[in-house]
Amino acid sequence: MGAEWRMPTKTQIRELNSKCTWTWTSQNGAEGYKVTGPNGNSIFLPAAGFRYVFTLSTAGSYGNYWSASLNESYPYCAWGLNFDSSSCVVDGYYRYYGYTVRAVAR
């Protein structure tokens, strides 16, 4: 990613989940959410699915994004953001899942 980039923390993905407006949409042929912050800036998070072993699952229906934070109670899990067209959840997930990484600037 380079020195100017890093993974978002659990606190940051919770803030994204709770303080932003989420609108399910399509962009360049990909389904996902346009996430708009209180300042009016927005990002698009595609429903890219996740990889488990050699299989890509739920692409186009679900988005699964990692944070940089380990789950304190279960160190074999990390915090992630999971969504579909009707809900968005921040929770702990097994670290061996191939979730999407969406870096943020330092």
PDB file of N, CA and C in Angstrom:
ATOM      1  N   MET A   1       0.812  -1.191   0.000  1.00  0.00           N
ATOM      2  CA  MET A   1       0.000   0.000   0.000  1.00  0.00           C
ATOM      3  C   MET A   1       0.858   1.259   0.000  1.00  0.00           C
ATOM      4  N   GLY A   2       2.040   1.176   0.559  1.00  0.00           N
ATOM      5  CA  GLY A   2       2.899   2.355   0.642  1.00  0.00           C
ATOM      6  C   GLY A   2       2.731   3.067   1.970  1.00  0.00           C
ATOM      7  N   ALA A   3       3.726   3.851   2.314  1.00  0.00           N
ATOM      8  CA  ALA A   3       3.775   4.502   3.624  1.00  0.00           C
ATOM      9  C   ALA A   3       2.641   5.504   3.846  1.00  0.00           C
ATOM     10  N   GLU A   4       2.080   6.040   2.769  1.00  0.00           N
ATOM     11  CA  GLU A   4       1.027   7.046   2.936  1.00  0.00           C
ATOM     12  C   GLU A   4      -0.367   6.435   3.146  1.00  0.00           C
ATOM     13  N   TRP A   5      -0.448   5.119   3.161  1.00  0.00           N
ATOM     14  CA  TRP A   5      -1.724   4.428   3.319  1.00  0.00           C
ATOM     15  C   TRP A   5      -1.722   3.515   4.537  1.00  0.00           C
ATOM     16  N   ARG A   6      -2.911   3.229   5.057  1.00  0.00           N
ATOM     17  CA  ARG A   6      -3.075   2.314   6.190  1.00  0.00           C
ATOM     18  C   ARG A   6      -4.477   1.744   6.172  1.00  0.00           C
ATOM     19  N   MET A   7      -4.694   0.719   6.978  1.00  0.00           N
ATOM     20  CA  MET A   7      -6.026   0.125   7.132  1.00  0.00           C
ATOM     21  C   MET A   7      -6.828   0.960   8.130  1.00  0.00           C
ATOM     22  N   PRO A   8      -8.133   1.094   7.939  1.00  0.00           N
ATOM     23  CA  PRO A   8      -8.951   1.800   8.933  1.00  0.00           C
ATOM     24  C   PRO A   8      -9.073   0.967  10.205  1.00  0.00           C
ATOM     25  N   THR A   9      -9.291   1.631  11.328  1.00  0.00           N
ATOM     26  CA  THR A   9      -9.468   0.951  12.612  1.00  0.00           C
ATOM     27  C   THR A   9     -10.928   0.547  12.801  1.00  0.00           C
ATOM     28  N   LYS A  10     -11.176  -0.275  13.817  1.00  0.00           N
ATOM     29  CA  LYS A  10     -12.548  -0.657  14.163  1.00  0.00           C
ATOM     30  C   LYS A  10     -13.372   0.587  14.480  1.00  0.00           C
ATOM     31  N   THR A  11     -12.799   1.522  15.206  1.00  0.00           N
ATOM     32  CA  THR A  11     -13.502   2.765  15.538  1.00  0.00           C
ATOM     33  C   THR A  11     -13.905   3.516  14.275  1.00  0.00           C
ATOM     34  N   GLN A  12     -13.020   3.568  13.303  1.00  0.00           N
ATOM     35  CA  GLN A  12     -13.318   4.282  12.066  1.00  0.00           C
ATOM     36  C   GLN A  12     -14.402   3.590  11.238  1.00  0.00           C
ATOM     37  N   ILE A  13     -14.395   2.253  11.174  1.00  0.00           N
ATOM     38  CA  ILE A  13     -15.455   1.600  10.400  1.00  0.00           C
ATOM     39  C   ILE A  13     -16.795   1.686  11.135  1.00  0.00           C
ATOM     40  N   ARG A  14     -16.772   1.702  12.462  1.00  0.00           N
ATOM     41  CA  ARG A  14     -18.022   1.911  13.216  1.00  0.00           C
ATOM     42  C   ARG A  14     -18.566   3.315  12.949  1.00  0.00           C
ATOM     43  N   GLU A  15     -17.674   4.295  12.918  1.00  0.00           N
ATOM     44  CA  GLU A  15     -18.087   5.672  12.619  1.00  0.00           C
ATOM     45  C   GLU A  15     -18.659   5.763  11.202  1.00  0.00           C
ATOM     46  N   LEU A  16     -18.013   5.111  10.252  1.00  0.00           N
ATOM     47  CA  LEU A  16     -18.511   5.073   8.873  1.00  0.00           C
ATOM     48  C   LEU A  16     -19.915   4.468   8.848  1.00  0.00           C
ATOM     49  N   ASN A  17     -20.113   3.407   9.604  1.00  0.00           N
ATOM     50  CA  ASN A  17     -21.399   2.720   9.651  1.00  0.00           C
ATOM     51  C   ASN A  17     -22.481   3.587  10.290  1.00  0.00           C
ATOM     52  N   SER A  18     -22.154   4.290  11.361  1.00  0.00           N
ATOM     53  CA  SER A  18     -23.185   4.984  12.134  1.00  0.00           C
ATOM     54  C   SER A  18     -23.398   6.451  11.761  1.00  0.00           C
ATOM     55  N   LYS A  19     -22.398   7.114  11.221  1.00  0.00           N
ATOM     56  CA  LYS A  19     -22.515   8.557  10.983  1.00  0.00           C
ATOM     57  C   LYS A  19     -22.682   8.939   9.525  1.00  0.00           C
ATOM     58  N   CYS A  20     -22.671   7.958   8.624  1.00  0.00           N
ATOM     59  CA  CYS A  20     -22.777   8.248   7.198  1.00  0.00           C
ATOM     60  C   CYS A  20     -24.117   7.769   6.654  1.00  0.00           C
ATOM     61  N   THR A  21     -24.482   8.312   5.509  1.00  0.00           N
ATOM     62  CA  THR A  21     -25.678   7.890   4.794  1.00  0.00           C
ATOM     63  C   THR A  21     -25.273   6.840   3.770  1.00  0.00           C
ATOM     64  N   TRP A  22     -25.969   5.701   3.790  1.00  0.00           N
ATOM     65  CA  TRP A  22     -25.654   4.576   2.913  1.00  0.00           C
ATOM     66  C   TRP A  22     -26.760   4.443   1.866  1.00  0.00           C
ATOM     67  N   THR A  23     -26.384   4.509   0.591  1.00  0.00           N
ATOM     68  CA  THR A  23     -27.338   4.408  -0.505  1.00  0.00           C
ATOM     69  C   THR A  23     -26.906   3.286  -1.442  1.00  0.00           C
ATOM     70  N   TRP A  24     -27.736   2.223  -1.557  1.00  0.00           N
ATOM     71  CA  TRP A  24     -27.428   1.092  -2.445  1.00  0.00           C
ATOM     72  C   TRP A  24     -27.584   1.573  -3.884  1.00  0.00           C
ATOM     73  N   THR A  25     -26.569   1.328  -4.705  1.00  0.00           N
ATOM     74  CA  THR A  25     -26.566   1.831  -6.067  1.00  0.00           C
ATOM     75  C   THR A  25     -25.683   0.963  -6.948  1.00  0.00           C
ATOM     76  N   SER A  26     -25.581   1.313  -8.194  1.00  0.00           N
ATOM     77  CA  SER A  26     -24.679   0.662  -9.132  1.00  0.00           C
ATOM     78  C   SER A  26     -23.738   1.712  -9.703  1.00  0.00           C
ATOM     79  N   GLN A  27     -22.470   1.360  -9.780  1.00  0.00           N
ATOM     80  CA  GLN A  27     -21.478   2.277 -10.338  1.00  0.00           C
ATOM     81  C   GLN A  27     -20.562   1.484 -11.261  1.00  0.00           C
ATOM     82  N   ASN A  28     -20.453   1.904 -12.507  1.00  0.00           N
ATOM     83  CA  ASN A  28     -19.631   1.209 -13.502  1.00  0.00           C
ATOM     84  C   ASN A  28     -19.941  -0.282 -13.555  1.00  0.00           C
ATOM     85  N   GLY A  29     -21.213  -0.630 -13.438  1.00  0.00           N
ATOM     86  CA  GLY A  29     -21.645  -2.023 -13.520  1.00  0.00           C
ATOM     87  C   GLY A  29     -21.508  -2.824 -12.243  1.00  0.00           C
ATOM     88  N   ALA A  30     -21.033  -2.214 -11.159  1.00  0.00           N
ATOM     89  CA  ALA A  30     -20.863  -2.920  -9.886  1.00  0.00           C
ATOM     90  C   ALA A  30     -21.910  -2.447  -8.880  1.00  0.00           C
ATOM     91  N   GLU A  31     -22.538  -3.405  -8.199  1.00  0.00           N
ATOM     92  CA  GLU A  31     -23.483  -3.085  -7.130  1.00  0.00           C
ATOM     93  C   GLU A  31     -22.707  -2.766  -5.861  1.00  0.00           C
ATOM     94  N   GLY A  32     -23.269  -1.895  -5.026  1.00  0.00           N
ATOM     95  CA  GLY A  32     -22.632  -1.559  -3.760  1.00  0.00           C
ATOM     96  C   GLY A  32     -23.266  -0.338  -3.146  1.00  0.00           C
ATOM     97  N   TYR A  33     -22.563   0.252  -2.180  1.00  0.00           N
ATOM     98  CA  TYR A  33     -23.078   1.419  -1.471  1.00  0.00           C
ATOM     99  C   TYR A  33     -22.267   2.670  -1.793  1.00  0.00           C
ATOM    100  N   LYS A  34     -22.996   3.741  -2.029  1.00  0.00           N
ATOM    101  CA  LYS A  34     -22.402   5.073  -1.999  1.00  0.00           C
ATOM    102  C   LYS A  34     -22.547   5.522  -0.548  1.00  0.00           C
ATOM    103  N   VAL A  35     -21.422   5.792   0.100  1.00  0.00           N
ATOM    104  CA  VAL A  35     -21.401   6.156   1.507  1.00  0.00           C
ATOM    105  C   VAL A  35     -21.034   7.632   1.589  1.00  0.00           C
ATOM    106  N   THR A  36     -21.953   8.437   2.121  1.00  0.00           N
ATOM    107  CA  THR A  36     -21.771   9.885   2.165  1.00  0.00           C
ATOM    108  C   THR A  36     -21.631  10.337   3.612  1.00  0.00           C
ATOM    109  N   GLY A  37     -20.537  11.041   3.882  1.00  0.00           N
ATOM    110  CA  GLY A  37     -20.264  11.527   5.224  1.00  0.00           C
ATOM    111  C   GLY A  37     -20.989  12.818   5.541  1.00  0.00           C
ATOM    112  N   PRO A  38     -20.954  13.220   6.805  1.00  0.00           N
ATOM    113  CA  PRO A  38     -21.607  14.457   7.225  1.00  0.00           C
ATOM    114  C   PRO A  38     -21.069  15.700   6.494  1.00  0.00           C
ATOM    115  N   ASN A  39     -19.833  15.628   6.003  1.00  0.00           N
ATOM    116  CA  ASN A  39     -19.237  16.763   5.280  1.00  0.00           C
ATOM    117  C   ASN A  39     -19.610  16.781   3.800  1.00  0.00           C
ATOM    118  N   GLY A  40     -20.375  15.762   3.338  1.00  0.00           N
ATOM    119  CA  GLY A  40     -20.794  15.704   1.946  1.00  0.00           C
ATOM    120  C   GLY A  40     -19.886  14.887   1.045  1.00  0.00           C
ATOM    121  N   ASN A  41     -18.704  14.516   1.508  1.00  0.00           N
ATOM    122  CA  ASN A  41     -17.809  13.667   0.713  1.00  0.00           C
ATOM    123  C   ASN A  41     -18.359  12.246   0.683  1.00  0.00           C
ATOM    124  N   SER A  42     -18.075  11.529  -0.409  1.00  0.00           N
ATOM    125  CA  SER A  42     -18.584  10.167  -0.504  1.00  0.00           C
ATOM    126  C   SER A  42     -17.536   9.232  -1.109  1.00  0.00           C
ATOM    127  N   ILE A  43     -17.744   7.948  -0.835  1.00  0.00           N
ATOM    128  CA  ILE A  43     -16.945   6.882  -1.426  1.00  0.00           C
ATOM    129  C   ILE A  43     -17.914   5.813  -1.907  1.00  0.00           C
ATOM    130  N   PHE A  44     -17.456   4.974  -2.817  1.00  0.00           N
ATOM    131  CA  PHE A  44     -18.255   3.842  -3.269  1.00  0.00           C
ATOM    132  C   PHE A  44     -17.592   2.573  -2.762  1.00  0.00           C
ATOM    133  N   LEU A  45     -18.368   1.739  -2.076  1.00  0.00           N
ATOM    134  CA  LEU A  45     -17.886   0.439  -1.594  1.00  0.00           C
ATOM    135  C   LEU A  45     -18.616  -0.652  -2.371  1.00  0.00           C
ATOM    136  N   PRO A  46     -17.932  -1.284  -3.330  1.00  0.00           N
ATOM    137  CA  PRO A  46     -18.590  -2.330  -4.114  1.00  0.00           C
ATOM    138  C   PRO A  46     -18.904  -3.564  -3.274  1.00  0.00           C
ATOM    139  N   ALA A  47     -19.977  -4.225  -3.632  1.00  0.00           N
ATOM    140  CA  ALA A  47     -20.329  -5.509  -3.020  1.00  0.00           C
ATOM    141  C   ALA A  47     -19.458  -6.571  -3.688  1.00  0.00           C
ATOM    142  N   ALA A  48     -18.201  -6.617  -3.269  1.00  0.00           N
ATOM    143  CA  ALA A  48     -17.190  -7.446  -3.930  1.00  0.00           C
ATOM    144  C   ALA A  48     -17.174  -8.886  -3.431  1.00  0.00           C
ATOM    145  N   GLY A  49     -17.985  -9.205  -2.410  1.00  0.00           N
ATOM    146  CA  GLY A  49     -17.995 -10.557  -1.877  1.00  0.00           C
ATOM    147  C   GLY A  49     -16.726 -10.847  -1.097  1.00  0.00           C
ATOM    148  N   PHE A  50     -16.420 -12.128  -0.933  1.00  0.00           N
ATOM    149  CA  PHE A  50     -15.199 -12.528  -0.238  1.00  0.00           C
ATOM    150  C   PHE A  50     -14.704 -13.844  -0.812  1.00  0.00           C
ATOM    151  N   ARG A  51     -13.454 -14.124  -0.547  1.00  0.00           N
ATOM    152  CA  ARG A  51     -12.849 -15.353  -1.032  1.00  0.00           C
ATOM    153  C   ARG A  51     -12.694 -16.311   0.152  1.00  0.00           C
ATOM    154  N   TYR A  52     -13.127 -17.549  -0.054  1.00  0.00           N
ATOM    155  CA  TYR A  52     -12.956 -18.604   0.939  1.00  0.00           C
ATOM    156  C   TYR A  52     -12.328 -19.784   0.218  1.00  0.00           C
ATOM    157  N   VAL A  53     -11.136 -20.161   0.652  1.00  0.00           N
ATOM    158  CA  VAL A  53     -10.303 -21.158  -0.009  1.00  0.00           C
ATOM    159  C   VAL A  53     -10.070 -20.666  -1.439  1.00  0.00           C
ATOM    160  N   PHE A  54     -10.603 -21.331  -2.440  1.00  0.00           N
ATOM    161  CA  PHE A  54     -10.373 -20.926  -3.833  1.00  0.00           C
ATOM    162  C   PHE A  54     -11.616 -20.352  -4.496  1.00  0.00           C
ATOM    163  N   THR A  55     -12.649 -20.100  -3.703  1.00  0.00           N
ATOM    164  CA  THR A  55     -13.925 -19.701  -4.271  1.00  0.00           C
ATOM    165  C   THR A  55     -14.279 -18.262  -3.903  1.00  0.00           C
ATOM    166  N   LEU A  56     -14.701 -17.487  -4.892  1.00  0.00           N
ATOM    167  CA  LEU A  56     -15.240 -16.157  -4.648  1.00  0.00           C
ATOM    168  C   LEU A  56     -16.725 -16.315  -4.367  1.00  0.00           C
ATOM    169  N   SER A  57     -17.172 -15.807  -3.211  1.00  0.00           N
ATOM    170  CA  SER A  57     -18.567 -15.969  -2.799  1.00  0.00           C
ATOM    171  C   SER A  57     -19.256 -14.619  -2.673  1.00  0.00           C
ATOM    172  N   THR A  58     -20.512 -14.584  -2.968  1.00  0.00           N
ATOM    173  CA  THR A  58     -21.449 -13.483  -2.742  1.00  0.00           C
ATOM    174  C   THR A  58     -21.111 -12.177  -3.467  1.00  0.00           C
ATOM    175  N   ALA A  59     -20.256 -12.213  -4.481  1.00  0.00           N
ATOM    176  CA  ALA A  59     -19.930 -10.996  -5.231  1.00  0.00           C
ATOM    177  C   ALA A  59     -21.193 -10.449  -5.881  1.00  0.00           C
ATOM    178  N   GLY A  60     -21.386  -9.153  -5.779  1.00  0.00           N
ATOM    179  CA  GLY A  60     -22.559  -8.493  -6.317  1.00  0.00           C
ATOM    180  C   GLY A  60     -23.701  -8.381  -5.331  1.00  0.00           C
ATOM    181  N   SER A  61     -23.627  -9.153  -4.242  1.00  0.00           N
ATOM    182  CA  SER A  61     -24.683  -9.134  -3.224  1.00  0.00           C
ATOM    183  C   SER A  61     -24.206  -8.648  -1.862  1.00  0.00           C
ATOM    184  N   TYR A  62     -22.958  -8.972  -1.517  1.00  0.00           N
ATOM    185  CA  TYR A  62     -22.427  -8.635  -0.203  1.00  0.00           C
ATOM    186  C   TYR A  62     -21.070  -7.948  -0.332  1.00  0.00           C
ATOM    187  N   GLY A  63     -20.811  -7.037   0.600  1.00  0.00           N
ATOM    188  CA  GLY A  63     -19.500  -6.418   0.716  1.00  0.00           C
ATOM    189  C   GLY A  63     -18.886  -6.818   2.041  1.00  0.00           C
ATOM    190  N   ASN A  64     -17.614  -7.125   2.033  1.00  0.00           N
ATOM    191  CA  ASN A  64     -16.901  -7.585   3.231  1.00  0.00           C
ATOM    192  C   ASN A  64     -15.550  -6.891   3.259  1.00  0.00           C
ATOM    193  N   TYR A  65     -15.325  -6.026   4.243  1.00  0.00           N
ATOM    194  CA  TYR A  65     -14.130  -5.194   4.303  1.00  0.00           C
ATOM    195  C   TYR A  65     -13.445  -5.332   5.657  1.00  0.00           C
ATOM    196  N   TRP A  66     -12.118  -5.483   5.629  1.00  0.00           N
ATOM    197  CA  TRP A  66     -11.338  -5.611   6.858  1.00  0.00           C
ATOM    198  C   TRP A  66     -11.036  -4.262   7.481  1.00  0.00           C
ATOM    199  N   SER A  67     -10.877  -4.282   8.805  1.00  0.00           N
ATOM    200  CA  SER A  67     -10.250  -3.176   9.525  1.00  0.00           C
ATOM    201  C   SER A  67      -8.862  -3.652   9.945  1.00  0.00           C
ATOM    202  N   ALA A  68      -8.097  -2.776  10.562  1.00  0.00           N
ATOM    203  CA  ALA A  68      -6.769  -3.130  11.057  1.00  0.00           C
ATOM    204  C   ALA A  68      -6.823  -3.719  12.466  1.00  0.00           C
ATOM    205  N   SER A  69      -8.003  -3.776  13.067  1.00  0.00           N
ATOM    206  CA  SER A  69      -8.134  -4.133  14.486  1.00  0.00           C
ATOM    207  C   SER A  69      -8.480  -5.598  14.690  1.00  0.00           C
ATOM    208  N   LEU A  70      -7.700  -6.250  15.553  1.00  0.00           N
ATOM    209  CA  LEU A  70      -8.021  -7.619  15.955  1.00  0.00           C
ATOM    210  C   LEU A  70      -9.172  -7.593  16.948  1.00  0.00           C
ATOM    211  N   ASN A  71      -9.963  -8.665  16.976  1.00  0.00           N
ATOM    212  CA  ASN A  71     -11.010  -8.816  17.972  1.00  0.00           C
ATOM    213  C   ASN A  71     -10.324  -9.172  19.293  1.00  0.00           C
ATOM    214  N   GLU A  72     -10.494  -8.331  20.288  1.00  0.00           N
ATOM    215  CA  GLU A  72      -9.785  -8.500  21.571  1.00  0.00           C
ATOM    216  C   GLU A  72     -10.144  -9.810  22.271  1.00  0.00           C
ATOM    217  N   SER A  73     -11.378 -10.250  22.135  1.00  0.00           N
ATOM    218  CA  SER A  73     -11.836 -11.469  22.805  1.00  0.00           C
ATOM    219  C   SER A  73     -11.468 -12.735  22.053  1.00  0.00           C
ATOM    220  N   TYR A  74     -11.310 -12.632  20.741  1.00  0.00           N
ATOM    221  CA  TYR A  74     -11.020 -13.781  19.888  1.00  0.00           C
ATOM    222  C   TYR A  74      -9.908 -13.403  18.913  1.00  0.00           C
ATOM    223  N   PRO A  75      -8.631 -13.598  19.291  1.00  0.00           N
ATOM    224  CA  PRO A  75      -7.524 -13.125  18.459  1.00  0.00           C
ATOM    225  C   PRO A  75      -7.426 -13.799  17.087  1.00  0.00           C
ATOM    226  N   TYR A  76      -8.146 -14.888  16.873  1.00  0.00           N
ATOM    227  CA  TYR A  76      -8.169 -15.505  15.546  1.00  0.00           C
ATOM    228  C   TYR A  76      -9.175 -14.795  14.636  1.00  0.00           C
ATOM    229  N   CYS A  77      -9.811 -13.742  15.170  1.00  0.00           N
ATOM    230  CA  CYS A  77     -10.763 -12.939  14.403  1.00  0.00           C
ATOM    231  C   CYS A  77     -10.285 -11.493  14.342  1.00  0.00           C
ATOM    232  N   ALA A  78     -10.720 -10.781  13.329  1.00  0.00           N
ATOM    233  CA  ALA A  78     -10.470  -9.345  13.208  1.00  0.00           C
ATOM    234  C   ALA A  78     -11.807  -8.664  12.960  1.00  0.00           C
ATOM    235  N   TRP A  79     -11.848  -7.361  13.206  1.00  0.00           N
ATOM    236  CA  TRP A  79     -13.079  -6.599  12.988  1.00  0.00           C
ATOM    237  C   TRP A  79     -13.238  -6.287  11.523  1.00  0.00           C
ATOM    238  N   GLY A  80     -14.454  -6.410  11.057  1.00  0.00           N
ATOM    239  CA  GLY A  80     -14.745  -6.120   9.665  1.00  0.00           C
ATOM    240  C   GLY A  80     -16.108  -5.492   9.498  1.00  0.00           C
ATOM    241  N   LEU A  81     -16.330  -4.964   8.324  1.00  0.00           N
ATOM    242  CA  LEU A  81     -17.589  -4.343   7.940  1.00  0.00           C
ATOM    243  C   LEU A  81     -18.230  -5.232   6.882  1.00  0.00           C
ATOM    244  N   ASN A  82     -19.423  -5.718   7.149  1.00  0.00           N
ATOM    245  CA  ASN A  82     -20.148  -6.571   6.203  1.00  0.00           C
ATOM    246  C   ASN A  82     -21.485  -5.939   5.884  1.00  0.00           C
ATOM    247  N   PHE A  83     -21.871  -5.985   4.597  1.00  0.00           N
ATOM    248  CA  PHE A  83     -23.153  -5.410   4.220  1.00  0.00           C
ATOM    249  C   PHE A  83     -23.784  -6.155   3.070  1.00  0.00           C
ATOM    250  N   ASP A  84     -25.087  -5.990   2.967  1.00  0.00           N
ATOM    251  CA  ASP A  84     -25.844  -6.356   1.779  1.00  0.00           C
ATOM    252  C   ASP A  84     -26.753  -5.177   1.479  1.00  0.00           C
ATOM    253  N   SER A  85     -27.708  -5.335   0.586  1.00  0.00           N
ATOM    254  CA  SER A  85     -28.522  -4.196   0.167  1.00  0.00           C
ATOM    255  C   SER A  85     -29.475  -3.679   1.243  1.00  0.00           C
ATOM    256  N   SER A  86     -29.622  -4.417   2.353  1.00  0.00           N
ATOM    257  CA  SER A  86     -30.569  -3.992   3.391  1.00  0.00           C
ATOM    258  C   SER A  86     -29.953  -3.735   4.757  1.00  0.00           C
ATOM    259  N   SER A  87     -28.690  -4.069   4.963  1.00  0.00           N
ATOM    260  CA  SER A  87     -28.096  -3.852   6.287  1.00  0.00           C
ATOM    261  C   SER A  87     -26.575  -3.757   6.216  1.00  0.00           C
ATOM    262  N   CYS A  88     -26.012  -3.216   7.286  1.00  0.00           N
ATOM    263  CA  CYS A  88     -24.560  -3.071   7.409  1.00  0.00           C
ATOM    264  C   CYS A  88     -24.189  -3.365   8.857  1.00  0.00           C
ATOM    265  N   VAL A  89     -23.193  -4.237   9.062  1.00  0.00           N
ATOM    266  CA  VAL A  89     -22.818  -4.696  10.402  1.00  0.00           C
ATOM    267  C   VAL A  89     -21.304  -4.623  10.567  1.00  0.00           C
ATOM    268  N   VAL A  90     -20.870  -4.189  11.752  1.00  0.00           N
ATOM    269  CA  VAL A  90     -19.462  -4.260  12.137  1.00  0.00           C
ATOM    270  C   VAL A  90     -19.361  -5.371  13.172  1.00  0.00           C
ATOM    271  N   ASP A  91     -18.508  -6.367  12.897  1.00  0.00           N
ATOM    272  CA  ASP A  91     -18.410  -7.521  13.787  1.00  0.00           C
ATOM    273  C   ASP A  91     -17.050  -8.181  13.602  1.00  0.00           C
ATOM    274  N   GLY A  92     -16.774  -9.211  14.403  1.00  0.00           N
ATOM    275  CA  GLY A  92     -15.527  -9.955  14.289  1.00  0.00           C
ATOM    276  C   GLY A  92     -15.693 -11.147  13.354  1.00  0.00           C
ATOM    277  N   TYR A  93     -14.707 -11.355  12.486  1.00  0.00           N
ATOM    278  CA  TYR A  93     -14.772 -12.429  11.506  1.00  0.00           C
ATOM    279  C   TYR A  93     -13.437 -13.156  11.467  1.00  0.00           C
ATOM    280  N   TYR A  94     -13.479 -14.446  11.089  1.00  0.00           N
ATOM    281  CA  TYR A  94     -12.259 -15.238  10.997  1.00  0.00           C
ATOM    282  C   TYR A  94     -11.268 -14.573  10.045  1.00  0.00           C
ATOM    283  N   ARG A  95     -10.021 -14.506  10.469  1.00  0.00           N
ATOM    284  CA  ARG A  95      -9.001 -13.798   9.704  1.00  0.00           C
ATOM    285  C   ARG A  95      -8.597 -14.515   8.419  1.00  0.00           C
ATOM    286  N   TYR A  96      -8.973 -15.767   8.259  1.00  0.00           N
ATOM    287  CA  TYR A  96      -8.593 -16.470   7.042  1.00  0.00           C
ATOM    288  C   TYR A  96      -9.557 -16.206   5.880  1.00  0.00           C
ATOM    289  N   TYR A  97     -10.648 -15.474   6.133  1.00  0.00           N
ATOM    290  CA  TYR A  97     -11.527 -15.087   5.032  1.00  0.00           C
ATOM    291  C   TYR A  97     -10.818 -14.065   4.154  1.00  0.00           C
ATOM    292  N   GLY A  98     -11.026 -14.145   2.876  1.00  0.00           N
ATOM    293  CA  GLY A  98     -10.421 -13.199   1.934  1.00  0.00           C
ATOM    294  C   GLY A  98     -11.315 -11.990   1.724  1.00  0.00           C
ATOM    295  N   TYR A  99     -11.359 -11.121   2.740  1.00  0.00           N
ATOM    296  CA  TYR A  99     -12.174  -9.911   2.642  1.00  0.00           C
ATOM    297  C   TYR A  99     -11.423  -8.821   1.884  1.00  0.00           C
ATOM    298  N   THR A 100     -12.163  -7.843   1.425  1.00  0.00           N
ATOM    299  CA  THR A 100     -11.610  -6.714   0.693  1.00  0.00           C
ATOM    300  C   THR A 100     -10.847  -5.774   1.637  1.00  0.00           C
ATOM    301  N   VAL A 101      -9.771  -5.212   1.136  1.00  0.00           N
ATOM    302  CA  VAL A 101      -9.010  -4.194   1.873  1.00  0.00           C
ATOM    303  C   VAL A 101      -9.258  -2.857   1.194  1.00  0.00           C
ATOM    304  N   ARG A 102      -9.726  -1.890   1.963  1.00  0.00           N
ATOM    305  CA  ARG A 102      -9.950  -0.523   1.456  1.00  0.00           C
ATOM    306  C   ARG A 102      -9.102   0.400   2.301  1.00  0.00           C
ATOM    307  N   ALA A 103      -7.936   0.740   1.785  1.00  0.00           N
ATOM    308  CA  ALA A 103      -6.982   1.575   2.518  1.00  0.00           C
ATOM    309  C   ALA A 103      -7.479   3.009   2.648  1.00  0.00           C
ATOM    310  N   VAL A 104      -7.008   3.687   3.687  1.00  0.00           N
ATOM    311  CA  VAL A 104      -7.281   5.109   3.892  1.00  0.00           C
ATOM    312  C   VAL A 104      -5.958   5.851   3.998  1.00  0.00           C
ATOM    313  N   ALA A 105      -5.970   7.126   3.655  1.00  0.00           N
ATOM    314  CA  ALA A 105      -4.741   7.928   3.731  1.00  0.00           C
ATOM    315  C   ALA A 105      -4.369   8.185   5.190  1.00  0.00           C
ATOM    316  N   ARG A 106      -3.073   8.238   5.452  1.00  0.00           N
ATOM    317  CA  ARG A 106      -2.578   8.560   6.808  1.00  0.00           C
ATOM    318  C   ARG A 106      -2.856   9.993   7.131  1.00  0.00           C
TER     319      ARG A 106
END
